Amino acid sequence: MNMVEYSEYRLGLLCKRFSSGKGISADLINETGKYPVIGGNGRGIPVYRKLQRAGIPFIAGVIHSNDLDYDVAKALAAEVISEEPFEAVTEEHLEKAEKMMDDCAEVICCVDKFGTMNAANRRLVEKAKRDGKLKTE
């Protein structure tokens, strides 16, 4: 049987620049705790993979279950807050995401446009900005 060994690395050692939709640099990523990641339309996938490879737990969402990011998020995230396809994000899921954001030091956003069904994620980003938790270059 082949046993695979895994190691944890600091994100800054893995990449010089943390490449996401918002250009978050590695030195802005805290080494402890979970990070809410607001992704969508495939933009979250590179961020999910980098965080997972670095051994940094993250929360994905709110993400629709038919989104390009969803399957990768389900495979890699510590938790996924998901919504039904083509439905507006419910207050229940929005409140859950807000609570998780309150418990975290930083929020990562990989998208810069939010459609009608994704308006709740815009609200999450605005909250992260107000709380000083949204990290960008």
Protein backbone atom coordinates (compact mmCIF):
# COMPACT_ATOMS: atom_id res chain seq x y z
CA MET A 1 0.00 0.00 0.00
CA ASN A 2 1.29 3.44 -0.93
CA MET A 3 0.98 5.94 1.91
CA VAL A 4 1.00 9.58 0.92
CA GLU A 5 2.52 12.03 3.36
CA TYR A 6 1.13 15.52 3.64
CA SER A 7 2.86 18.55 5.07
CA GLU A 8 1.59 21.94 6.09
CA TYR A 9 3.31 24.95 4.57
CA ARG A 10 2.93 28.66 5.05
CA LEU A 11 1.06 30.14 2.16
CA GLY A 12 3.79 32.74 1.65
CA LEU A 13 6.31 29.94 1.04
CA LEU A 14 4.13 28.40 -1.65
CA CYS A 15 3.57 31.48 -3.73
CA LYS A 16 4.97 34.97 -3.95
CA ARG A 17 1.59 36.41 -4.81
CA PHE A 18 -1.75 35.04 -3.70
CA SER A 19 -3.59 35.26 -6.99
CA SER A 20 -7.34 35.78 -6.70
CA GLY A 21 -9.92 38.07 -8.20
CA LYS A 22 -8.92 40.71 -5.67
CA GLY A 23 -5.12 40.13 -5.78
CA ILE A 24 -4.69 39.22 -2.12
CA SER A 25 -1.02 38.91 -1.24
CA ALA A 26 0.22 35.98 0.81
CA ASP A 27 1.47 38.19 3.63
CA LEU A 28 -2.12 39.28 4.33
CA ILE A 29 -3.25 35.72 5.04
CA ASN A 30 -3.38 34.88 8.74
CA GLU A 31 -1.95 31.47 9.67
CA THR A 32 -4.74 30.40 12.02
CA GLY A 33 -8.46 29.99 11.80
CA LYS A 34 -10.91 29.48 9.02
CA TYR A 35 -11.29 31.94 6.18
CA PRO A 36 -14.60 32.67 4.55
CA VAL A 37 -14.06 32.66 0.78
CA ILE A 38 -16.67 34.31 -1.41
CA GLY A 39 -16.25 32.82 -4.87
CA GLY A 40 -18.33 31.96 -7.88
CA ASN A 41 -18.20 31.34 -11.62
CA GLY A 42 -14.95 29.39 -11.23
CA ARG A 43 -13.09 32.34 -9.65
CA GLY A 44 -12.85 30.67 -6.25
CA ILE A 45 -11.29 27.42 -7.43
CA PRO A 46 -7.63 28.60 -7.55
CA VAL A 47 -8.03 30.15 -4.10
CA TYR A 48 -9.64 27.00 -2.67
CA ARG A 49 -6.79 24.89 -4.03
CA LYS A 50 -4.04 27.16 -2.70
CA LEU A 51 -5.59 27.33 0.76
CA GLN A 52 -6.13 23.56 0.86
CA ARG A 53 -2.56 22.82 -0.27
CA ALA A 54 -1.26 25.18 2.40
CA GLY A 55 -3.30 23.39 5.07
CA ILE A 56 -5.41 26.49 5.75
CA PRO A 57 -9.04 25.64 6.50
CA PHE A 58 -11.65 27.76 4.75
CA ILE A 59 -15.39 28.18 4.42
CA ALA A 60 -16.89 28.54 0.92
CA GLY A 61 -20.10 30.42 0.41
CA VAL A 62 -22.67 31.38 -0.03
CA ILE A 63 -22.43 29.45 -3.29
CA HIS A 64 -25.16 27.98 -5.49
CA SER A 65 -25.03 24.21 -5.89
CA ASN A 66 -24.90 24.50 -9.70
CA ASP A 67 -21.98 26.97 -9.66
CA LEU A 68 -18.64 26.02 -11.24
CA ASP A 69 -16.96 26.44 -7.83
CA TYR A 70 -19.38 24.18 -5.95
CA ASP A 71 -17.91 20.70 -6.49
CA VAL A 72 -14.35 21.85 -5.77
CA ALA A 73 -15.56 23.71 -2.69
CA LYS A 74 -17.38 20.58 -1.45
CA ALA A 75 -14.20 18.55 -1.89
CA LEU A 76 -11.76 21.02 -0.29
CA ALA A 77 -13.56 23.37 2.11
CA ALA A 78 -13.99 22.75 5.82
CA GLU A 79 -17.57 23.90 5.29
CA VAL A 80 -19.72 25.03 2.38
CA ILE A 81 -22.74 27.29 2.75
CA SER A 82 -24.79 26.50 -0.33
CA GLU A 83 -27.99 27.64 -1.95
CA GLU A 84 -30.36 25.99 -4.39
CA PRO A 85 -29.73 26.66 -8.10
CA PHE A 86 -31.33 29.79 -9.55
CA GLU A 87 -32.69 30.89 -6.17
CA ALA A 88 -31.88 34.04 -4.26
CA VAL A 89 -29.76 33.45 -1.19
CA THR A 90 -32.06 32.93 1.79
CA GLU A 91 -31.84 35.02 4.95
CA GLU A 92 -30.97 31.80 6.83
CA HIS A 93 -27.88 31.20 4.70
CA LEU A 94 -26.94 34.88 4.73
CA GLU A 95 -27.12 34.95 8.54
CA LYS A 96 -25.04 31.77 8.77
CA ALA A 97 -22.36 33.31 6.53
CA GLU A 98 -22.41 36.57 8.52
CA LYS A 99 -21.95 34.64 11.78
CA MET A 100 -18.96 32.76 10.36
CA MET A 101 -17.49 36.04 9.13
CA ASP A 102 -17.89 37.49 12.62
CA ASP A 103 -15.85 34.59 14.01
CA CYS A 104 -13.00 35.04 11.51
CA ALA A 105 -10.21 37.58 11.23
CA GLU A 106 -10.24 37.90 7.44
CA VAL A 107 -12.56 37.40 4.47
CA ILE A 108 -11.37 36.57 0.96
CA CYS A 109 -13.48 37.64 -2.03
CA CYS A 110 -12.65 36.27 -5.47
CA VAL A 111 -15.35 38.01 -7.46
CA ASP A 112 -16.08 41.62 -8.32
CA LYS A 113 -19.55 41.34 -9.86
CA PHE A 114 -22.71 40.07 -8.22
CA GLY A 115 -25.91 39.21 -10.09
CA THR A 116 -29.46 39.39 -8.81
CA MET A 117 -29.44 35.90 -7.31
CA ASN A 118 -26.08 36.62 -5.70
CA ALA A 119 -26.91 39.99 -4.15
CA ALA A 120 -26.46 38.52 -0.65
CA ASN A 121 -22.77 37.93 -1.37
CA ARG A 122 -22.43 41.62 -2.23
CA ARG A 123 -23.89 42.33 1.20
CA LEU A 124 -21.32 39.97 2.76
CA VAL A 125 -18.48 41.80 1.00
CA GLU A 126 -19.83 45.16 2.14
CA LYS A 127 -20.01 43.86 5.72
CA ALA A 128 -16.44 42.56 5.50
CA LYS A 129 -15.31 46.00 4.30
CA ARG A 130 -17.16 47.76 7.14
CA ASP A 131 -15.66 45.34 9.67
CA GLY A 132 -12.15 45.81 8.25
CA LYS A 133 -11.87 42.12 7.36
CA LEU A 134 -11.75 42.24 3.57
CA LYS A 135 -8.09 41.93 2.56
CA THR A 136 -6.95 43.31 -0.77
CA GLU A 137 -3.72 44.82 -2.10
